[in-house]
Amino acid sequence: MEFDWLDVSFDLSKVTPKEIEESFEDPFAVRLLPDGSYGDEDARYICLGRSVGSRPLFSVFWTDGKRYRVIVSRDMTKEEENFYERRNAQNA
């Protein structure tokens, strides 16, 4: 997968591109397409995953199937982390 890091709208010093990419490569990552209408805009997806250093990250992104464009990325909230853990426990 290839990421587009040009002109991102969030601070890449708080969450590094490497950590974000690692969270997408997490074999237990949860990817979701939220409900809602996007009209002519590209659909937005959510990725809940962990970096290699086990940092839990929440990312909103779009993709054309080849490139990924991360719109925002941050640490997961406790609720998101619990959801991530529950989803993985169900799939075990």
Protein backbone atom coordinates (compact mmCIF):
# COMPACT_ATOMS: atom_id res chain seq x y z
CA MET A 1 0.00 0.00 0.00
CA GLU A 2 1.19 3.48 -0.83
CA PHE A 3 0.42 6.51 1.33
CA ASP A 4 0.04 10.10 0.12
CA TRP A 5 1.58 12.40 2.76
CA LEU A 6 1.47 15.65 0.76
CA ASP A 7 -0.40 18.55 2.38
CA VAL A 8 -1.78 16.62 5.35
CA SER A 9 -4.04 18.68 7.60
CA PHE A 10 -2.81 17.34 10.95
CA ASP A 11 0.45 17.46 12.90
CA LEU A 12 2.77 14.64 11.78
CA SER A 13 5.04 15.26 14.76
CA LYS A 14 2.37 13.97 17.18
CA VAL A 15 1.66 10.83 15.17
CA THR A 16 4.40 9.90 12.71
CA PRO A 17 3.72 8.56 9.21
CA LYS A 18 5.62 5.38 10.17
CA GLU A 19 3.31 4.72 13.14
CA ILE A 20 0.23 5.33 10.99
CA GLU A 21 1.47 2.99 8.26
CA GLU A 22 2.25 0.33 10.90
CA SER A 23 -1.29 0.63 12.30
CA PHE A 24 -2.69 -0.08 8.82
CA GLU A 25 -0.46 -3.16 8.57
CA ASP A 26 -1.66 -4.45 11.96
CA PRO A 27 -3.06 -7.95 11.24
CA PHE A 28 -5.84 -7.23 13.76
CA ALA A 29 -6.70 -3.76 12.42
CA VAL A 30 -10.41 -2.98 12.21
CA ARG A 31 -11.52 -1.07 9.11
CA LEU A 32 -14.98 0.42 8.93
CA LEU A 33 -17.09 2.39 6.47
CA PRO A 34 -19.30 4.69 8.56
CA ASP A 35 -22.95 5.16 7.68
CA GLY A 36 -23.83 8.28 5.77
CA SER A 37 -24.06 9.84 2.36
CA TYR A 38 -21.01 11.47 0.83
CA GLY A 39 -22.55 12.74 -2.40
CA ASP A 40 -19.86 13.30 -5.00
CA GLU A 41 -17.07 13.11 -2.41
CA ASP A 42 -14.95 10.02 -1.86
CA ALA A 43 -16.10 7.69 0.90
CA ARG A 44 -14.24 8.03 4.18
CA TYR A 45 -13.09 4.95 6.08
CA ILE A 46 -11.93 4.41 9.66
CA CYS A 47 -8.96 2.28 10.67
CA LEU A 48 -8.37 1.17 14.25
CA GLY A 49 -4.95 -0.43 14.58
CA ARG A 50 -1.78 -0.64 16.61
CA SER A 51 1.70 0.44 15.62
CA VAL A 52 4.65 -1.92 16.11
CA GLY A 53 5.27 -0.13 19.42
CA SER A 54 1.67 -1.08 20.40
CA ARG A 55 0.37 2.52 20.15
CA PRO A 56 -3.40 2.35 19.49
CA LEU A 57 -4.31 4.67 16.61
CA PHE A 58 -7.60 5.88 15.12
CA SER A 59 -7.33 7.09 11.52
CA VAL A 60 -9.83 8.45 9.02
CA PHE A 61 -8.78 7.92 5.40
CA TRP A 62 -9.87 7.46 1.81
CA THR A 63 -8.40 5.18 -0.79
CA ASP A 64 -8.60 4.58 -4.51
CA GLY A 65 -7.46 0.99 -4.02
CA LYS A 66 -3.79 1.79 -4.59
CA ARG A 67 -3.08 4.95 -2.61
CA TYR A 68 -4.17 5.82 0.90
CA ARG A 69 -4.76 9.41 2.00
CA VAL A 70 -4.99 9.83 5.77
CA ILE A 71 -7.25 12.75 6.69
CA VAL A 72 -6.64 12.61 10.43
CA SER A 73 -4.92 10.26 12.86
CA ARG A 74 -4.81 10.28 16.66
CA ASP A 75 -4.60 7.98 19.67
CA MET A 76 -7.69 5.83 20.22
CA THR A 77 -10.05 6.79 23.02
CA LYS A 78 -10.73 4.18 25.72
CA GLU A 79 -14.06 3.37 24.06
CA GLU A 80 -12.42 2.87 20.65
CA GLU A 81 -9.71 0.72 22.21
CA ASN A 82 -12.38 -1.42 23.94
CA PHE A 83 -14.22 -1.79 20.61
CA TYR A 84 -10.94 -2.83 18.90
CA GLU A 85 -10.30 -5.45 21.61
CA ARG A 86 -13.90 -6.77 21.50
CA ARG A 87 -13.85 -7.10 17.70
CA ASN A 88 -10.61 -9.05 17.85
CA ALA A 89 -11.88 -11.28 20.67
CA GLN A 90 -14.97 -12.12 18.55
CA ASN A 91 -12.79 -13.07 15.58
CA ALA A 92 -10.47 -15.31 17.64
